[in-house]
Every structure is written in structure tokens, then in C-alpha cells.
Amino acid sequence: MKTVWLIDIDGTVSDDIPNETPELFATAKPIPGSLEYVQNLVDKGDRVVFFTARTDEHASVTESWLIKHGYPFEYVVYNKPRIEDGWVYHWVDNRDVKATHVPAGLLGPEFWNK
């Protein structure tokens, strides 16, 4: 089955940087193993879209960072609603939806194959 992956950026594939410190976006470090995992998704024919709470005013630095570090993606969706600790995102759709919580970030295939 082909999948469209909606992947968060901060704390999932890069250092967890809040919107209040956007000057750090360009120098964020990738989470080890996350690039390989995302590349594997694309290599098997899946689609990757990044979905972030970063605002669209940070589009240039965000997409430059993804390209600089080699992350394949179709596009980035900005302005994901920010939530507080203890809240959850709940997606309702007329299509099949699967959600995965990765509190330590996207760690690569060894994490997902447990």
C-alpha cells in the first residue's frame, strides 16, 4: 500500500526549536537516522509532505534546511496548530488515517522495526 507521510519537523527530524527562536532554524541538527528513514519512504514509492507549526514566514529557511540536509519532500504545510502539553491532535477524515507518536523523533528503521 502506498502512503502519504505527513511528518513534523521540529523534534521529529531536527532539533526541537520553538517558533519563538526562528534564528536557530538554519543551524538545527538533523536527528540521526531520520534522513535515511525519510529517503527509504520515498525509495519505496511513498510520498512525503512535511507538516509543521512553523509559520509560512519561515518557509525559505525551512525548505533550505530540508534541501541542505537532503530530505526528499513534495512540499511543506505550514501553520499547524500549536498545542500545549497534555493536548493531542485528532484527525478526522473520510479516508484511512494512521498516526504514530514518536516522542524522541524519527529515529530510523531500527526504531520502527521493533
Protein backbone atom coordinates (compact mmCIF):
# COMPACT_ATOMS: atom_id res chain seq x y z
CA MET A 1 0.00 0.00 0.00
CA LYS A 2 1.33 3.43 -0.95
CA THR A 3 1.31 6.02 1.82
CA VAL A 4 1.39 9.80 2.06
CA TRP A 5 3.51 10.66 5.10
CA LEU A 6 2.81 13.91 6.96
CA ILE A 7 5.97 14.40 9.00
CA ASP A 8 6.61 17.08 11.59
CA ILE A 9 9.99 18.85 11.52
CA ASP A 10 10.97 20.19 14.96
CA GLY A 11 11.68 17.36 17.37
CA THR A 12 10.88 14.77 14.70
CA VAL A 13 13.60 15.15 12.04
CA SER A 14 15.54 18.07 13.56
CA ASP A 15 16.37 19.66 16.88
CA ASP A 16 13.17 20.77 18.62
CA ILE A 17 13.19 24.53 18.06
CA PRO A 18 10.18 26.64 19.08
CA ASN A 19 8.82 29.35 16.81
CA GLU A 20 9.96 31.94 19.33
CA THR A 21 13.59 31.31 18.31
CA PRO A 22 13.43 31.15 14.49
CA GLU A 23 17.04 32.37 14.24
CA LEU A 24 18.02 28.79 15.21
CA PHE A 25 16.12 27.07 12.38
CA ALA A 26 19.01 27.33 9.89
CA THR A 27 21.54 25.73 12.25
CA ALA A 28 19.36 22.93 13.63
CA LYS A 29 20.90 19.48 13.61
CA PRO A 30 19.10 16.56 11.97
CA ILE A 31 18.02 13.72 14.25
CA PRO A 32 20.36 10.81 13.43
CA GLY A 33 18.68 8.21 11.24
CA SER A 34 15.76 10.43 10.24
CA LEU A 35 17.11 11.26 6.77
CA GLU A 36 17.65 7.59 5.98
CA TYR A 37 14.15 6.77 7.13
CA VAL A 38 12.54 9.51 5.03
CA GLN A 39 14.65 8.55 2.00
CA ASN A 40 13.57 4.93 2.42
CA LEU A 41 9.90 6.00 2.32
CA VAL A 42 10.44 7.81 -0.98
CA ASP A 43 12.53 4.96 -2.41
CA LYS A 44 9.65 2.53 -1.86
CA GLY A 45 7.26 4.88 -3.68
CA ASP A 46 5.60 6.68 -0.77
CA ARG A 47 5.03 10.44 -0.75
CA VAL A 48 6.49 12.77 1.91
CA VAL A 49 4.96 16.08 2.99
CA PHE A 50 6.33 17.96 5.97
CA PHE A 51 3.62 19.36 8.28
CA THR A 52 4.89 21.94 10.75
CA ALA A 53 3.77 24.55 13.27
CA ARG A 54 6.39 26.86 11.79
CA THR A 55 4.69 29.79 10.16
CA ASP A 56 4.79 30.43 6.44
CA GLU A 57 7.09 33.40 7.07
CA HIS A 58 9.75 30.74 7.81
CA ALA A 59 9.22 28.88 4.52
CA SER A 60 12.51 29.92 2.94
CA VAL A 61 14.75 28.91 5.87
CA THR A 62 12.73 25.73 6.46
CA GLU A 63 12.86 24.46 2.88
CA SER A 64 16.51 25.49 2.53
CA TRP A 65 17.32 23.42 5.63
CA LEU A 66 15.46 20.37 4.31
CA ILE A 67 17.22 20.61 0.94
CA LYS A 68 20.65 21.28 2.51
CA HIS A 69 20.34 18.11 4.58
CA GLY A 70 18.99 16.03 1.68
CA TYR A 71 15.42 15.39 2.87
CA PRO A 72 13.19 14.48 -0.07
CA PHE A 73 9.73 16.02 0.03
CA GLU A 74 6.89 17.21 -2.20
CA TYR A 75 6.08 20.32 -0.20
CA VAL A 76 5.72 21.72 3.32
CA VAL A 77 2.43 22.57 5.02
CA TYR A 78 2.90 25.44 7.48
CA ASN A 79 0.88 26.83 10.39
CA LYS A 80 -0.06 23.51 12.01
CA PRO A 81 -1.98 24.46 15.16
CA ARG A 82 0.33 24.55 18.18
CA ILE A 83 -0.86 22.57 21.17
CA GLU A 84 0.11 22.54 24.82
CA ASP A 85 1.49 19.61 26.80
CA GLY A 86 -1.32 17.20 27.57
CA TRP A 87 -3.29 18.05 24.43
CA VAL A 88 -3.50 15.74 21.39
CA TYR A 89 -4.07 16.18 17.68
CA HIS A 90 -7.13 14.30 16.45
CA TRP A 91 -7.54 13.98 12.69
CA VAL A 92 -10.96 13.16 11.25
CA ASP A 93 -11.10 12.20 7.58
CA ASN A 94 -13.19 10.19 5.12
CA ARG A 95 -10.03 8.24 4.20
CA ASP A 96 -7.94 5.78 6.20
CA VAL A 97 -5.67 7.57 8.67
CA LYS A 98 -2.81 6.22 10.74
CA ALA A 99 -0.95 8.27 13.33
CA THR A 100 2.32 7.47 15.08
CA HIS A 101 3.61 9.28 18.15
CA VAL A 102 7.41 9.44 18.23
CA PRO A 103 8.36 11.44 21.33
CA ALA A 104 12.08 11.03 20.69
CA GLY A 105 11.85 11.95 17.00
CA LEU A 106 12.13 9.93 13.83
CA LEU A 107 14.98 7.60 14.74
CA GLY A 108 15.31 5.47 11.63
CA PRO A 109 14.39 1.93 10.62
CA GLU A 110 15.82 0.27 13.73
CA PHE A 111 13.22 2.20 15.79
CA TRP A 112 10.29 1.35 13.52
CA ASN A 113 11.10 -2.34 13.17
CA LYS A 114 10.89 -3.13 16.90
